Amino acid sequence: MTRKLILASGSPRRREFISFLGLDFTVVKPAVKEDQLPGESPDALVARLSVMKSAAVSDQYPEAVVLAADTVVSIDGQILGKPHDRNDALRMIKQLSGRTHQVYTAVTLRHKEKIKTLCTCTHVTFADISDDLAVMYVNSGEGDDKAGSYALQGRAAMFIETVEGSVSSVIGLPLSETRELLCTFGIIPNF
């Protein structure tokens, strides 16, 4: 009997990535508060939030296999989540300008008592961004709901000098690692 797969995320990018795997799945957006705990590292934060998201949806659908993820941007040990407003977004883009930052994404797969979580870290280097270009980008609204206030797969690609690690992880779901995780749960064959 095939188990139902639920993607515990409202992210259209994660939905698209899971669809690349040819899987039938349902989307359920989890209701989880995404605050950082005092002293919590970026990798610990994304791991905790992905586990919480998977648990919230698993509680509603106990027979389903639940896939959840969380992504944050970090620079100089500071976590840059989703911007509160356009001024916050502009501050983040200017902070990333001409520098290398880290993008952490954790993925949790849960079925009943079986839970596996993995975390990836990708290093992204931005070119120097003029104030006018930063304002133009922020005003486009593209980064309004994105960690670090940018979307690598969109207009922000013009800022990217290098990516060391998983590009799909920066977009929100490390696809290779997620495929391997789904294999360990028997959701997809291990080719």
Protein backbone atom coordinates (compact mmCIF):
# COMPACT_ATOMS: atom_id res chain seq x y z
CA MET A 1 0.00 0.00 0.00
CA THR A 2 1.37 3.41 -0.96
CA ARG A 3 1.61 5.89 1.87
CA LYS A 4 0.34 9.41 1.38
CA LEU A 5 3.10 12.04 1.10
CA ILE A 6 2.45 15.51 2.49
CA LEU A 7 4.69 18.49 1.86
CA ALA A 8 4.47 20.60 5.04
CA SER A 9 5.21 23.92 3.36
CA GLY A 10 3.48 26.82 1.68
CA SER A 11 6.52 27.41 -0.55
CA PRO A 12 5.77 27.20 -4.27
CA ARG A 13 9.47 26.49 -4.89
CA ARG A 14 9.45 23.44 -2.61
CA ARG A 15 6.24 22.26 -4.28
CA GLU A 16 7.90 22.57 -7.67
CA PHE A 17 11.02 20.68 -6.56
CA ILE A 18 8.99 17.77 -5.14
CA SER A 19 6.99 17.63 -8.37
CA PHE A 20 10.31 17.17 -10.24
CA LEU A 21 10.57 13.79 -8.52
CA GLY A 22 7.30 12.65 -10.10
CA LEU A 23 5.59 12.09 -6.76
CA ASP A 24 1.94 12.43 -5.87
CA PHE A 25 1.71 14.61 -2.80
CA THR A 26 -0.54 17.00 -0.92
CA VAL A 27 0.48 20.38 0.45
CA VAL A 28 -0.41 21.36 4.02
CA LYS A 29 1.00 24.59 5.40
CA PRO A 30 2.05 24.07 9.03
CA ALA A 31 1.18 26.60 11.71
CA VAL A 32 4.54 26.98 13.46
CA LYS A 33 6.06 30.06 15.06
CA GLU A 34 9.48 30.55 13.44
CA ASP A 35 11.34 32.48 16.13
CA GLN A 36 15.01 31.91 16.88
CA LEU A 37 15.86 30.81 20.41
CA PRO A 38 18.55 32.78 22.28
CA GLY A 39 22.00 31.62 21.20
CA GLU A 40 20.60 29.19 18.63
CA SER A 41 22.91 28.52 15.68
CA PRO A 42 21.57 28.68 12.09
CA ASP A 43 21.82 24.92 11.56
CA ALA A 44 20.13 24.18 14.91
CA LEU A 45 17.36 26.68 14.10
CA VAL A 46 16.49 25.22 10.70
CA ALA A 47 16.67 21.67 12.03
CA ARG A 48 14.37 22.49 14.96
CA LEU A 49 11.88 24.33 12.74
CA SER A 50 11.76 21.58 10.12
CA VAL A 51 11.11 19.00 12.87
CA MET A 52 8.39 21.22 14.38
CA LYS A 53 6.73 21.72 10.98
CA SER A 54 6.75 17.99 10.29
CA ALA A 55 5.29 17.27 13.74
CA ALA A 56 2.52 19.85 13.35
CA VAL A 57 1.33 18.28 10.09
CA SER A 58 1.94 14.71 11.24
CA ASP A 59 -0.35 15.33 14.22
CA GLN A 60 -3.14 16.17 11.74
CA TYR A 61 -2.35 13.27 9.37
CA PRO A 62 -0.78 10.49 11.48
CA GLU A 63 -0.72 7.87 8.69
CA ALA A 64 1.01 10.11 6.14
CA VAL A 65 4.69 10.58 5.41
CA VAL A 66 5.44 14.25 6.04
CA LEU A 67 8.25 16.24 4.43
CA ALA A 68 9.11 19.62 5.96
CA ALA A 69 11.93 22.11 5.44
CA ASP A 70 13.24 25.42 6.67
CA THR A 71 15.83 27.82 5.25
CA VAL A 72 17.76 30.74 6.73
CA VAL A 73 20.54 33.02 5.56
CA SER A 74 23.43 33.79 7.91
CA ILE A 75 26.24 36.31 7.74
CA ASP A 76 28.76 37.04 10.48
CA GLY A 77 26.80 34.71 12.77
CA GLN A 78 23.63 36.77 12.35
CA ILE A 79 20.54 35.05 10.97
CA LEU A 80 18.68 36.90 8.25
CA GLY A 81 15.17 35.56 8.06
CA LYS A 82 12.30 36.90 6.00
CA PRO A 83 12.21 40.71 5.96
CA HIS A 84 9.66 42.52 8.12
CA ASP A 85 9.23 45.24 5.50
CA ARG A 86 11.01 46.79 2.52
CA ASN A 87 13.39 48.80 4.73
CA ASP A 88 14.44 45.58 6.45
CA ALA A 89 14.87 43.94 3.03
CA LEU A 90 17.08 46.81 1.85
CA ARG A 91 19.21 46.53 5.00
CA MET A 92 19.73 42.82 4.33
CA ILE A 93 20.63 43.23 0.65
CA LYS A 94 23.15 45.94 1.53
CA GLN A 95 24.59 43.73 4.28
CA LEU A 96 25.09 40.88 1.77
CA SER A 97 26.59 43.13 -0.93
CA GLY A 98 30.15 42.17 -1.88
CA ARG A 99 30.32 39.42 0.74
CA THR A 100 29.97 35.68 1.22
CA HIS A 101 27.13 34.37 3.36
CA GLN A 102 25.76 30.96 4.27
CA VAL A 103 22.36 29.50 3.46
CA TYR A 104 21.23 26.70 5.77
CA THR A 105 18.36 24.42 4.82
CA ALA A 106 17.12 21.54 6.94
CA VAL A 107 14.77 18.83 5.69
CA THR A 108 12.80 16.48 7.93
CA LEU A 109 10.98 13.38 6.77
CA ARG A 110 8.60 11.80 9.27
CA HIS A 111 6.35 8.76 9.27
CA LYS A 112 4.87 7.91 12.65
CA GLU A 113 7.86 7.34 14.98
CA LYS A 114 10.47 7.30 12.19
CA ILE A 115 12.08 10.73 11.80
CA LYS A 116 15.16 11.76 9.82
CA THR A 117 16.53 15.28 9.51
CA LEU A 118 19.41 16.54 7.40
CA CYS A 119 20.93 19.98 7.11
CA THR A 120 22.88 21.56 4.26
CA CYS A 121 25.04 24.67 4.21
CA THR A 122 25.75 26.50 0.96
CA HIS A 123 28.12 29.47 0.62
CA VAL A 124 26.88 32.27 -1.63
CA THR A 125 28.98 35.26 -2.67
CA PHE A 126 27.30 38.47 -3.82
CA ALA A 127 28.91 41.02 -6.10
CA ASP A 128 29.06 44.62 -4.93
CA ILE A 129 25.55 46.05 -5.31
CA SER A 130 25.00 49.78 -5.78
CA ASP A 131 22.44 51.50 -3.59
CA ASP A 132 20.25 52.23 -6.64
CA LEU A 133 20.33 48.59 -7.77
CA ALA A 134 19.54 47.40 -4.24
CA VAL A 135 16.54 49.76 -4.04
CA MET A 136 15.33 48.66 -7.48
CA TYR A 137 15.55 45.00 -6.46
CA VAL A 138 13.84 45.47 -3.11
CA ASN A 139 11.04 47.49 -4.74
CA SER A 140 10.41 44.60 -7.14
CA GLY A 141 9.02 42.71 -4.14
CA GLU A 142 10.71 39.50 -5.21
CA GLY A 143 12.47 39.04 -1.86
CA ASP A 144 9.54 40.00 0.36
CA ASP A 145 8.92 36.48 1.69
CA LYS A 146 12.42 35.05 1.26
CA ALA A 147 15.13 34.37 3.82
CA GLY A 148 17.81 37.02 3.35
CA SER A 149 15.40 39.06 1.20
CA TYR A 150 16.43 37.55 -2.13
CA ALA A 151 15.51 34.80 -4.58
CA LEU A 152 18.54 33.22 -6.25
CA GLN A 153 16.26 31.77 -8.95
CA GLY A 154 14.92 35.20 -9.89
CA ARG A 155 16.25 38.70 -10.47
CA ALA A 156 18.75 38.31 -7.63
CA ALA A 157 20.73 35.94 -9.86
CA MET A 158 22.42 39.10 -11.18
CA PHE A 159 23.99 39.56 -7.72
CA ILE A 160 25.50 36.07 -7.45
CA GLU A 161 29.23 35.70 -8.13
CA THR A 162 29.67 32.15 -6.77
CA VAL A 163 27.71 29.37 -5.11
CA GLU A 164 29.58 26.63 -3.24
CA GLY A 165 27.12 23.87 -2.43
CA SER A 166 23.56 23.10 -3.38
CA VAL A 167 21.81 25.70 -5.53
CA SER A 168 18.44 24.03 -4.88
CA SER A 169 19.09 24.31 -1.14
CA VAL A 170 19.43 28.07 -1.48
CA ILE A 171 16.09 28.12 -3.30
CA GLY A 172 14.56 26.17 -0.41
CA LEU A 173 15.03 22.42 -0.78
CA PRO A 174 18.28 20.49 -1.35
CA LEU A 175 16.86 18.24 -4.05
CA SER A 176 19.62 15.62 -4.23
CA GLU A 177 19.67 15.13 -0.46
CA THR A 178 15.86 15.13 -0.31
CA ARG A 179 15.70 12.43 -2.98
CA GLU A 180 18.09 10.30 -0.96
CA LEU A 181 16.01 10.86 2.18
CA LEU A 182 12.86 9.79 0.33
CA CYS A 183 14.69 6.64 -0.80
CA THR A 184 15.47 5.71 2.80
CA PHE A 185 11.74 5.85 3.56
CA GLY A 186 10.85 3.78 0.49
CA ILE A 187 8.92 6.66 -1.08
CA ILE A 188 10.96 6.50 -4.26
CA PRO A 189 13.19 3.70 -5.56
CA ASN A 190 16.90 3.88 -4.90
CA PHE A 191 18.34 3.79 -8.43
